[in-house]
Amino acid sequence: MTEALPPKRQAVVDRLRRRIENYRRHQSDCVPRYDHSFNGLVERDIQETLLLKQKYLESKAKRSKNKPEKKLPSQLDSGLHNASLPVSNRAWFNFLSHYLHT
């Protein structure tokens, strides 16, 4: 804006510039805090997931000691379980299976 503005309009433009600068400053202050807290939440969720996986595997081992279960062949077992899920849950199941097995 190289052209000169009337004083009233210049005052409005200056207020808008200050307001925008305040929004930018606030955003630049808040984003690192948000990222840090979000990463902490993700890390906590991962730890909780691993703990639940460990508890599940321990309880599964205890159950298998107490009573023998009929086992399907591994190809049928994984395919049958995956096919019995609704489509929306199938993607979630595949994601969790991959995530927990790595």
PDB file of N, CA and C in Angstrom:
ATOM      1  N   MET A   1       0.850  -1.175   0.000  1.00  0.00           N
ATOM      2  CA  MET A   1       0.000   0.000   0.000  1.00  0.00           C
ATOM      3  C   MET A   1       0.893   1.234   0.000  1.00  0.00           C
ATOM      4  N   THR A   2       1.236   1.684  -1.155  1.00  0.00           N
ATOM      5  CA  THR A   2       2.108   2.847  -1.271  1.00  0.00           C
ATOM      6  C   THR A   2       1.324   4.147  -1.305  1.00  0.00           C
ATOM      7  N   GLU A   3       0.051   4.063  -1.606  1.00  0.00           N
ATOM      8  CA  GLU A   3      -0.744   5.293  -1.677  1.00  0.00           C
ATOM      9  C   GLU A   3      -1.125   5.751  -0.267  1.00  0.00           C
ATOM     10  N   ALA A   4      -1.243   7.046  -0.098  1.00  0.00           N
ATOM     11  CA  ALA A   4      -1.591   7.621   1.204  1.00  0.00           C
ATOM     12  C   ALA A   4      -3.087   7.459   1.440  1.00  0.00           C
ATOM     13  N   LEU A   5      -3.430   7.040   2.659  1.00  0.00           N
ATOM     14  CA  LEU A   5      -4.831   6.851   3.019  1.00  0.00           C
ATOM     15  C   LEU A   5      -5.313   8.029   3.848  1.00  0.00           C
ATOM     16  N   PRO A   6      -6.612   8.297   3.793  1.00  0.00           N
ATOM     17  CA  PRO A   6      -7.158   9.329   4.678  1.00  0.00           C
ATOM     18  C   PRO A   6      -6.916   8.932   6.138  1.00  0.00           C
ATOM     19  N   PRO A   7      -6.827   9.886   7.032  1.00  0.00           N
ATOM     20  CA  PRO A   7      -6.497   9.597   8.437  1.00  0.00           C
ATOM     21  C   PRO A   7      -7.430   8.573   9.093  1.00  0.00           C
ATOM     22  N   LYS A   8      -8.742   8.652   8.832  1.00  0.00           N
ATOM     23  CA  LYS A   8      -9.669   7.686   9.437  1.00  0.00           C
ATOM     24  C   LYS A   8      -9.358   6.275   8.960  1.00  0.00           C
ATOM     25  N   ARG A   9      -9.184   6.152   7.665  1.00  0.00           N
ATOM     26  CA  ARG A   9      -8.919   4.824   7.097  1.00  0.00           C
ATOM     27  C   ARG A   9      -7.549   4.315   7.544  1.00  0.00           C
ATOM     28  N   GLN A  10      -6.571   5.211   7.648  1.00  0.00           N
ATOM     29  CA  GLN A  10      -5.239   4.816   8.108  1.00  0.00           C
ATOM     30  C   GLN A  10      -5.308   4.284   9.539  1.00  0.00           C
ATOM     31  N   ALA A  11      -6.136   4.893  10.374  1.00  0.00           N
ATOM     32  CA  ALA A  11      -6.294   4.424  11.753  1.00  0.00           C
ATOM     33  C   ALA A  11      -6.891   3.019  11.768  1.00  0.00           C
ATOM     34  N   VAL A  12      -7.873   2.777  10.896  1.00  0.00           N
ATOM     35  CA  VAL A  12      -8.494   1.447  10.815  1.00  0.00           C
ATOM     36  C   VAL A  12      -7.459   0.418  10.363  1.00  0.00           C
ATOM     37  N   VAL A  13      -6.685   0.757   9.346  1.00  0.00           N
ATOM     38  CA  VAL A  13      -5.664  -0.162   8.834  1.00  0.00           C
ATOM     39  C   VAL A  13      -4.616  -0.450   9.907  1.00  0.00           C
ATOM     40  N   ASP A  14      -4.220   0.571  10.649  1.00  0.00           N
ATOM     41  CA  ASP A  14      -3.235   0.366  11.718  1.00  0.00           C
ATOM     42  C   ASP A  14      -3.776  -0.551  12.812  1.00  0.00           C
ATOM     43  N   ARG A  15      -5.039  -0.368  13.186  1.00  0.00           N
ATOM     44  CA  ARG A  15      -5.653  -1.251  14.197  1.00  0.00           C
ATOM     45  C   ARG A  15      -5.694  -2.691  13.701  1.00  0.00           C
ATOM     46  N   LEU A  16      -6.062  -2.866  12.430  1.00  0.00           N
ATOM     47  CA  LEU A  16      -6.094  -4.219  11.863  1.00  0.00           C
ATOM     48  C   LEU A  16      -4.700  -4.851  11.844  1.00  0.00           C
ATOM     49  N   ARG A  17      -3.695  -4.067  11.489  1.00  0.00           N
ATOM     50  CA  ARG A  17      -2.324  -4.598  11.485  1.00  0.00           C
ATOM     51  C   ARG A  17      -1.897  -5.024  12.890  1.00  0.00           C
ATOM     52  N   ARG A  18      -2.210  -4.203  13.887  1.00  0.00           N
ATOM     53  CA  ARG A  18      -1.861  -4.559  15.272  1.00  0.00           C
ATOM     54  C   ARG A  18      -2.594  -5.818  15.707  1.00  0.00           C
ATOM     55  N   ARG A  19      -3.870  -5.900  15.349  1.00  0.00           N
ATOM     56  CA  ARG A  19      -4.665  -7.076  15.718  1.00  0.00           C
ATOM     57  C   ARG A  19      -4.102  -8.340  15.068  1.00  0.00           C
ATOM     58  N   ILE A  20      -3.786  -8.246  13.781  1.00  0.00           N
ATOM     59  CA  ILE A  20      -3.217  -9.406  13.075  1.00  0.00           C
ATOM     60  C   ILE A  20      -1.870  -9.789  13.681  1.00  0.00           C
ATOM     61  N   GLU A  21      -1.063  -8.802  14.014  1.00  0.00           N
ATOM     62  CA  GLU A  21       0.236  -9.088  14.632  1.00  0.00           C
ATOM     63  C   GLU A  21       0.054  -9.774  15.991  1.00  0.00           C
ATOM     64  N   ASN A  22      -0.936  -9.340  16.751  1.00  0.00           N
ATOM     65  CA  ASN A  22      -1.214  -9.997  18.038  1.00  0.00           C
ATOM     66  C   ASN A  22      -1.653 -11.445  17.830  1.00  0.00           C
ATOM     67  N   TYR A  23      -2.491 -11.690  16.825  1.00  0.00           N
ATOM     68  CA  TYR A  23      -2.912 -13.064  16.528  1.00  0.00           C
ATOM     69  C   TYR A  23      -1.708 -13.921  16.130  1.00  0.00           C
ATOM     70  N   ARG A  24      -0.828 -13.378  15.306  1.00  0.00           N
ATOM     71  CA  ARG A  24       0.365 -14.130  14.883  1.00  0.00           C
ATOM     72  C   ARG A  24       1.265 -14.441  16.074  1.00  0.00           C
ATOM     73  N   ARG A  25       1.467 -13.458  16.928  1.00  0.00           N
ATOM     74  CA  ARG A  25       2.312 -13.655  18.109  1.00  0.00           C
ATOM     75  C   ARG A  25       1.709 -14.719  19.020  1.00  0.00           C
ATOM     76  N   HIS A  26       0.407 -14.626  19.238  1.00  0.00           N
ATOM     77  CA  HIS A  26      -0.272 -15.617  20.081  1.00  0.00           C
ATOM     78  C   HIS A  26      -0.140 -17.009  19.473  1.00  0.00           C
ATOM     79  N   GLN A  27      -0.334 -17.109  18.167  1.00  0.00           N
ATOM     80  CA  GLN A  27      -0.228 -18.401  17.481  1.00  0.00           C
ATOM     81  C   GLN A  27       1.183 -18.963  17.606  1.00  0.00           C
ATOM     82  N   SER A  28       2.179 -18.120  17.389  1.00  0.00           N
ATOM     83  CA  SER A  28       3.562 -18.613  17.463  1.00  0.00           C
ATOM     84  C   SER A  28       3.937 -19.004  18.890  1.00  0.00           C
ATOM     85  N   ASP A  29       3.282 -18.417  19.897  1.00  0.00           N
ATOM     86  CA  ASP A  29       3.524 -18.814  21.286  1.00  0.00           C
ATOM     87  C   ASP A  29       2.820 -20.122  21.629  1.00  0.00           C
ATOM     88  N   CYS A  30       1.631 -20.331  21.089  1.00  0.00           N
ATOM     89  CA  CYS A  30       0.812 -21.486  21.475  1.00  0.00           C
ATOM     90  C   CYS A  30       1.155 -22.767  20.724  1.00  0.00           C
ATOM     91  N   VAL A  31       1.586 -22.679  19.498  1.00  0.00           N
ATOM     92  CA  VAL A  31       1.832 -23.884  18.693  1.00  0.00           C
ATOM     93  C   VAL A  31       2.888 -24.795  19.333  1.00  0.00           C
ATOM     94  N   PRO A  32       4.026 -24.284  19.801  1.00  0.00           N
ATOM     95  CA  PRO A  32       4.998 -25.197  20.429  1.00  0.00           C
ATOM     96  C   PRO A  32       4.434 -25.886  21.679  1.00  0.00           C
ATOM     97  N   ARG A  33       3.662 -25.150  22.476  1.00  0.00           N
ATOM     98  CA  ARG A  33       3.056 -25.774  23.667  1.00  0.00           C
ATOM     99  C   ARG A  33       2.079 -26.856  23.259  1.00  0.00           C
ATOM    100  N   TYR A  34       1.282 -26.582  22.234  1.00  0.00           N
ATOM    101  CA  TYR A  34       0.320 -27.570  21.751  1.00  0.00           C
ATOM    102  C   TYR A  34       1.048 -28.814  21.244  1.00  0.00           C
ATOM    103  N   ASP A  35       2.078 -28.609  20.431  1.00  0.00           N
ATOM    104  CA  ASP A  35       2.836 -29.745  19.894  1.00  0.00           C
ATOM    105  C   ASP A  35       3.449 -30.573  21.015  1.00  0.00           C
ATOM    106  N   HIS A  36       4.013 -29.895  22.005  1.00  0.00           N
ATOM    107  CA  HIS A  36       4.642 -30.607  23.123  1.00  0.00           C
ATOM    108  C   HIS A  36       3.612 -31.424  23.899  1.00  0.00           C
ATOM    109  N   SER A  37       2.478 -30.826  24.200  1.00  0.00           N
ATOM    110  CA  SER A  37       1.467 -31.561  24.966  1.00  0.00           C
ATOM    111  C   SER A  37       0.852 -32.673  24.124  1.00  0.00           C
ATOM    112  N   PHE A  38       0.671 -32.450  22.831  1.00  0.00           N
ATOM    113  CA  PHE A  38       0.116 -33.485  21.962  1.00  0.00           C
ATOM    114  C   PHE A  38       1.062 -34.677  21.885  1.00  0.00           C
ATOM    115  N   ASN A  39       2.361 -34.402  21.728  1.00  0.00           N
ATOM    116  CA  ASN A  39       3.339 -35.489  21.684  1.00  0.00           C
ATOM    117  C   ASN A  39       3.341 -36.262  22.995  1.00  0.00           C
ATOM    118  N   GLY A  40       3.164 -35.563  24.108  1.00  0.00           N
ATOM    119  CA  GLY A  40       3.078 -36.248  25.400  1.00  0.00           C
ATOM    120  C   GLY A  40       1.866 -37.154  25.474  1.00  0.00           C
ATOM    121  N   LEU A  41       0.733 -36.692  24.952  1.00  0.00           N
ATOM    122  CA  LEU A  41      -0.475 -37.518  24.955  1.00  0.00           C
ATOM    123  C   LEU A  41      -0.308 -38.745  24.072  1.00  0.00           C
ATOM    124  N   VAL A  42       0.301 -38.568  22.916  1.00  0.00           N
ATOM    125  CA  VAL A  42       0.520 -39.703  22.014  1.00  0.00           C
ATOM    126  C   VAL A  42       1.440 -40.718  22.681  1.00  0.00           C
ATOM    127  N   GLU A  43       2.499 -40.243  23.316  1.00  0.00           N
ATOM    128  CA  GLU A  43       3.430 -41.146  24.001  1.00  0.00           C
ATOM    129  C   GLU A  43       2.717 -41.902  25.120  1.00  0.00           C
ATOM    130  N   ARG A  44       1.876 -41.207  25.872  1.00  0.00           N
ATOM    131  CA  ARG A  44       1.129 -41.862  26.948  1.00  0.00           C
ATOM    132  C   ARG A  44       0.176 -42.919  26.386  1.00  0.00           C
ATOM    133  N   ASP A  45      -0.496 -42.597  25.281  1.00  0.00           N
ATOM    134  CA  ASP A  45      -1.403 -43.566  24.661  1.00  0.00           C
ATOM    135  C   ASP A  45      -0.648 -44.806  24.178  1.00  0.00           C
ATOM    136  N   ILE A  46       0.535 -44.602  23.629  1.00  0.00           N
ATOM    137  CA  ILE A  46       1.339 -45.741  23.174  1.00  0.00           C
ATOM    138  C   ILE A  46       1.715 -46.618  24.360  1.00  0.00           C
ATOM    139  N   GLN A  47       2.136 -45.994  25.459  1.00  0.00           N
ATOM    140  CA  GLN A  47       2.504 -46.766  26.650  1.00  0.00           C
ATOM    141  C   GLN A  47       1.307 -47.535  27.193  1.00  0.00           C
ATOM    142  N   GLU A  48       0.132 -46.891  27.230  1.00  0.00           N
ATOM    143  CA  GLU A  48      -1.071 -47.571  27.710  1.00  0.00           C
ATOM    144  C   GLU A  48      -1.439 -48.736  26.795  1.00  0.00           C
ATOM    145  N   THR A  49      -1.289 -48.544  25.493  1.00  0.00           N
ATOM    146  CA  THR A  49      -1.591 -49.615  24.543  1.00  0.00           C
ATOM    147  C   THR A  49      -0.656 -50.798  24.746  1.00  0.00           C
ATOM    148  N   LEU A  50       0.621 -50.519  24.922  1.00  0.00           N
ATOM    149  CA  LEU A  50       1.579 -51.600  25.151  1.00  0.00           C
ATOM    150  C   LEU A  50       1.295 -52.327  26.460  1.00  0.00           C
ATOM    151  N   LEU A  51       0.892 -51.584  27.491  1.00  0.00           N
ATOM    152  CA  LEU A  51       0.547 -52.203  28.769  1.00  0.00           C
ATOM    153  C   LEU A  51      -0.676 -53.098  28.621  1.00  0.00           C
ATOM    154  N   LEU A  52      -1.688 -52.622  27.909  1.00  0.00           N
ATOM    155  CA  LEU A  52      -2.880 -53.441  27.679  1.00  0.00           C
ATOM    156  C   LEU A  52      -2.543 -54.680  26.855  1.00  0.00           C
ATOM    157  N   LYS A  53      -1.664 -54.531  25.882  1.00  0.00           N
ATOM    158  CA  LYS A  53      -1.246 -55.690  25.082  1.00  0.00           C
ATOM    159  C   LYS A  53      -0.569 -56.722  25.968  1.00  0.00           C
ATOM    160  N   GLN A  54       0.308 -56.248  26.860  1.00  0.00           N
ATOM    161  CA  GLN A  54       1.013 -57.161  27.762  1.00  0.00           C
ATOM    162  C   GLN A  54       0.030 -57.876  28.686  1.00  0.00           C
ATOM    163  N   LYS A  55      -0.923 -57.136  29.246  1.00  0.00           N
ATOM    164  CA  LYS A  55      -1.927 -57.755  30.121  1.00  0.00           C
ATOM    165  C   LYS A  55      -2.750 -58.781  29.355  1.00  0.00           C
ATOM    166  N   TYR A  56      -3.118 -58.452  28.132  1.00  0.00           N
ATOM    167  CA  TYR A  56      -3.899 -59.374  27.317  1.00  0.00           C
ATOM    168  C   TYR A  56      -3.114 -60.655  27.057  1.00  0.00           C
ATOM    169  N   LEU A  57      -1.855 -60.506  26.677  1.00  0.00           N
ATOM    170  CA  LEU A  57      -1.044 -61.685  26.388  1.00  0.00           C
ATOM    171  C   LEU A  57      -0.837 -62.539  27.637  1.00  0.00           C
ATOM    172  N   GLU A  58      -0.678 -61.893  28.801  1.00  0.00           N
ATOM    173  CA  GLU A  58      -0.525 -62.647  30.048  1.00  0.00           C
ATOM    174  C   GLU A  58      -1.800 -63.410  30.379  1.00  0.00           C
ATOM    175  N   SER A  59      -2.952 -62.753  30.226  1.00  0.00           N
ATOM    176  CA  SER A  59      -4.208 -63.439  30.529  1.00  0.00           C
ATOM    177  C   SER A  59      -4.474 -64.552  29.523  1.00  0.00           C
ATOM    178  N   LYS A  60      -4.065 -64.339  28.278  1.00  0.00           N
ATOM    179  CA  LYS A  60      -4.229 -65.370  27.257  1.00  0.00           C
ATOM    180  C   LYS A  60      -3.359 -66.579  27.595  1.00  0.00           C
ATOM    181  N   ALA A  61      -2.151 -66.337  28.075  1.00  0.00           N
ATOM    182  CA  ALA A  61      -1.259 -67.434  28.451  1.00  0.00           C
ATOM    183  C   ALA A  61      -1.836 -68.211  29.634  1.00  0.00           C
ATOM    184  N   LYS A  62      -2.424 -67.501  30.601  1.00  0.00           N
ATOM    185  CA  LYS A  62      -3.041 -68.175  31.751  1.00  0.00           C
ATOM    186  C   LYS A  62      -4.221 -69.024  31.307  1.00  0.00           C
ATOM    187  N   ARG A  63      -5.034 -68.485  30.400  1.00  0.00           N
ATOM    188  CA  ARG A  63      -6.197 -69.242  29.914  1.00  0.00           C
ATOM    189  C   ARG A  63      -5.755 -70.487  29.164  1.00  0.00           C
ATOM    190  N   SER A  64      -4.704 -70.366  28.371  1.00  0.00           N
ATOM    191  CA  SER A  64      -4.262 -71.523  27.592  1.00  0.00           C
ATOM    192  C   SER A  64      -3.683 -72.606  28.498  1.00  0.00           C
ATOM    193  N   LYS A  65      -3.153 -72.243  29.655  1.00  0.00           N
ATOM    194  CA  LYS A  65      -2.673 -73.240  30.611  1.00  0.00           C
ATOM    195  C   LYS A  65      -3.845 -74.005  31.208  1.00  0.00           C
ATOM    196  N   ASN A  66      -4.923 -73.290  31.502  1.00  0.00           N
ATOM    197  CA  ASN A  66      -6.063 -73.897  32.182  1.00  0.00           C
ATOM    198  C   ASN A  66      -6.877 -74.802  31.280  1.00  0.00           C
ATOM    199  N   LYS A  67      -7.096 -74.418  30.049  1.00  0.00           N
ATOM    200  CA  LYS A  67      -7.897 -75.259  29.161  1.00  0.00           C
ATOM    201  C   LYS A  67      -7.354 -75.184  27.743  1.00  0.00           C
ATOM    202  N   PRO A  68      -7.221 -76.322  27.108  1.00  0.00           N
ATOM    203  CA  PRO A  68      -6.763 -76.299  25.715  1.00  0.00           C
ATOM    204  C   PRO A  68      -7.897 -75.834  24.806  1.00  0.00           C
ATOM    205  N   GLU A  69      -7.558 -75.011  23.840  1.00  0.00           N
ATOM    206  CA  GLU A  69      -8.554 -74.503  22.899  1.00  0.00           C
ATOM    207  C   GLU A  69      -8.364 -75.184  21.555  1.00  0.00           C
ATOM    208  N   LYS A  70      -9.457 -75.301  20.809  1.00  0.00           N
ATOM    209  CA  LYS A  70      -9.351 -75.809  19.445  1.00  0.00           C
ATOM    210  C   LYS A  70      -8.697 -74.725  18.600  1.00  0.00           C
ATOM    211  N   LYS A  71      -7.749 -75.113  17.810  1.00  0.00           N
ATOM    212  CA  LYS A  71      -7.062 -74.150  16.963  1.00  0.00           C
ATOM    213  C   LYS A  71      -7.403 -74.403  15.508  1.00  0.00           C
ATOM    214  N   LEU A  72      -7.733 -73.343  14.811  1.00  0.00           N
ATOM    215  CA  LEU A  72      -7.908 -73.414  13.366  1.00  0.00           C
ATOM    216  C   LEU A  72      -6.540 -73.231  12.726  1.00  0.00           C
ATOM    217  N   PRO A  73      -6.372 -73.689  11.523  1.00  0.00           N
ATOM    218  CA  PRO A  73      -5.111 -73.391  10.831  1.00  0.00           C
ATOM    219  C   PRO A  73      -4.901 -71.878  10.786  1.00  0.00           C
ATOM    220  N   SER A  74      -3.659 -71.453  10.829  1.00  0.00           N
ATOM    221  CA  SER A  74      -3.357 -70.022  10.955  1.00  0.00           C
ATOM    222  C   SER A  74      -3.939 -69.204   9.806  1.00  0.00           C
ATOM    223  N   GLN A  75      -3.968 -69.749   8.598  1.00  0.00           N
ATOM    224  CA  GLN A  75      -4.532 -69.001   7.474  1.00  0.00           C
ATOM    225  C   GLN A  75      -6.025 -68.795   7.668  1.00  0.00           C
ATOM    226  N   LEU A  76      -6.726 -69.829   8.081  1.00  0.00           N
ATOM    227  CA  LEU A  76      -8.171 -69.710   8.288  1.00  0.00           C
ATOM    228  C   LEU A  76      -8.472 -68.814   9.475  1.00  0.00           C
ATOM    229  N   ASP A  77      -7.684 -68.946  10.519  1.00  0.00           N
ATOM    230  CA  ASP A  77      -7.928 -68.181  11.737  1.00  0.00           C
ATOM    231  C   ASP A  77      -7.862 -66.682  11.467  1.00  0.00           C
ATOM    232  N   SER A  78      -6.801 -66.226  10.822  1.00  0.00           N
ATOM    233  CA  SER A  78      -6.667 -64.787  10.579  1.00  0.00           C
ATOM    234  C   SER A  78      -7.688 -64.306   9.553  1.00  0.00           C
ATOM    235  N   GLY A  79      -7.926 -65.075   8.510  1.00  0.00           N
ATOM    236  CA  GLY A  79      -8.890 -64.668   7.489  1.00  0.00           C
ATOM    237  C   GLY A  79     -10.301 -64.671   8.008  1.00  0.00           C
ATOM    238  N   LEU A  80     -10.659 -65.668   8.811  1.00  0.00           N
ATOM    239  CA  LEU A  80     -12.013 -65.781   9.342  1.00  0.00           C
ATOM    240  C   LEU A  80     -12.303 -64.645  10.310  1.00  0.00           C
ATOM    241  N   HIS A  81     -11.350 -64.355  11.180  1.00  0.00           N
ATOM    242  CA  HIS A  81     -11.562 -63.296  12.163  1.00  0.00           C
ATOM    243  C   HIS A  81     -11.680 -61.940  11.477  1.00  0.00           C
ATOM    244  N   ASN A  82     -10.839 -61.693  10.511  1.00  0.00           N
ATOM    245  CA  ASN A  82     -10.852 -60.421   9.808  1.00  0.00           C
ATOM    246  C   ASN A  82     -12.128 -60.264   8.983  1.00  0.00           C
ATOM    247  N   ALA A  83     -12.603 -61.325   8.353  1.00  0.00           N
ATOM    248  CA  ALA A  83     -13.791 -61.239   7.506  1.00  0.00           C
ATOM    249  C   ALA A  83     -15.057 -61.069   8.330  1.00  0.00           C
ATOM    250  N   SER A  84     -15.042 -61.482   9.588  1.00  0.00           N
ATOM    251  CA  SER A  84     -16.246 -61.380  10.401  1.00  0.00           C
ATOM    252  C   SER A  84     -16.480 -59.963  10.917  1.00  0.00           C
ATOM    253  N   LEU A  85     -15.503 -59.093  10.774  1.00  0.00           N
ATOM    254  CA  LEU A  85     -15.649 -57.719  11.245  1.00  0.00           C
ATOM    255  C   LEU A  85     -16.346 -56.865  10.198  1.00  0.00           C
ATOM    256  N   PRO A  86     -17.116 -55.860  10.629  1.00  0.00           N
ATOM    257  CA  PRO A  86     -17.660 -54.898   9.663  1.00  0.00           C
ATOM    258  C   PRO A  86     -16.514 -54.165   8.967  1.00  0.00           C
ATOM    259  N   VAL A  87     -16.804 -53.604   7.815  1.00  0.00           N
ATOM    260  CA  VAL A  87     -15.757 -52.978   7.005  1.00  0.00           C
ATOM    261  C   VAL A  87     -15.042 -51.881   7.781  1.00  0.00           C
ATOM    262  N   SER A  88     -15.772 -51.042   8.514  1.00  0.00           N
ATOM    263  CA  SER A  88     -15.132 -49.945   9.232  1.00  0.00           C
ATOM    264  C   SER A  88     -14.205 -50.472  10.319  1.00  0.00           C
ATOM    265  N   ASN A  89     -14.570 -51.573  10.953  1.00  0.00           N
ATOM    266  CA  ASN A  89     -13.730 -52.133  12.001  1.00  0.00           C
ATOM    267  C   ASN A  89     -12.559 -52.913  11.424  1.00  0.00           C
ATOM    268  N   ARG A  90     -12.708 -53.420  10.205  1.00  0.00           N
ATOM    269  CA  ARG A  90     -11.644 -54.201   9.591  1.00  0.00           C
ATOM    270  C   ARG A  90     -10.381 -53.360   9.428  1.00  0.00           C
ATOM    271  N   ALA A  91     -10.542 -52.114   8.984  1.00  0.00           N
ATOM    272  CA  ALA A  91      -9.382 -51.241   8.810  1.00  0.00           C
ATOM    273  C   ALA A  91      -8.720 -50.973  10.155  1.00  0.00           C
ATOM    274  N   TRP A  92      -9.519 -50.742  11.180  1.00  0.00           N
ATOM    275  CA  TRP A  92      -8.983 -50.494  12.520  1.00  0.00           C
ATOM    276  C   TRP A  92      -8.265 -51.744  13.033  1.00  0.00           C
ATOM    277  N   PHE A  93      -8.865 -52.913  12.800  1.00  0.00           N
ATOM    278  CA  PHE A  93      -8.250 -54.171  13.219  1.00  0.00           C
ATOM    279  C   PHE A  93      -6.907 -54.362  12.520  1.00  0.00           C
ATOM    280  N   ASN A  94      -6.865 -54.103  11.213  1.00  0.00           N
ATOM    281  CA  ASN A  94      -5.613 -54.253  10.468  1.00  0.00           C
ATOM    282  C   ASN A  94      -4.556 -53.284  10.975  1.00  0.00           C
ATOM    283  N   PHE A  95      -4.968 -52.052  11.264  1.00  0.00           N
ATOM    284  CA  PHE A  95      -4.036 -51.064  11.787  1.00  0.00           C
ATOM    285  C   PHE A  95      -3.470 -51.521  13.121  1.00  0.00           C
ATOM    286  N   LEU A  96      -4.351 -51.930  14.036  1.00  0.00           N
ATOM    287  CA  LEU A  96      -3.888 -52.353  15.356  1.00  0.00           C
ATOM    288  C   LEU A  96      -3.034 -53.607  15.268  1.00  0.00           C
ATOM    289  N   SER A  97      -3.419 -54.541  14.424  1.00  0.00           N
ATOM    290  CA  SER A  97      -2.636 -55.765  14.277  1.00  0.00           C
ATOM    291  C   SER A  97      -1.223 -55.437  13.820  1.00  0.00           C
ATOM    292  N   HIS A  98      -1.129 -54.568  12.830  1.00  0.00           N
ATOM    293  CA  HIS A  98       0.190 -54.192  12.328  1.00  0.00           C
ATOM    294  C   HIS A  98       0.968 -53.436  13.401  1.00  0.00           C
ATOM    295  N   TYR A  99       0.315 -52.522  14.098  1.00  0.00           N
ATOM    296  CA  TYR A  99       0.972 -51.687  15.097  1.00  0.00           C
ATOM    297  C   TYR A  99       1.445 -52.526  16.280  1.00  0.00           C
ATOM    298  N   LEU A 100       0.622 -53.461  16.733  1.00  0.00           N
ATOM    299  CA  LEU A 100       0.968 -54.245  17.911  1.00  0.00           C
ATOM    300  C   LEU A 100       1.982 -55.342  17.603  1.00  0.00           C
ATOM    301  N   HIS A 101       2.060 -55.771  16.359  1.00  0.00           N
ATOM    302  CA  HIS A 101       2.998 -56.839  16.016  1.00  0.00           C
ATOM    303  C   HIS A 101       4.375 -56.309  15.654  1.00  0.00           C
ATOM    304  N   THR A 102       4.512 -54.979  15.555  1.00  0.00           N
ATOM    305  CA  THR A 102       5.828 -54.442  15.198  1.00  0.00           C
ATOM    306  C   THR A 102       6.597 -54.058  16.421  1.00  0.00           C
TER     307      THR A 102
END
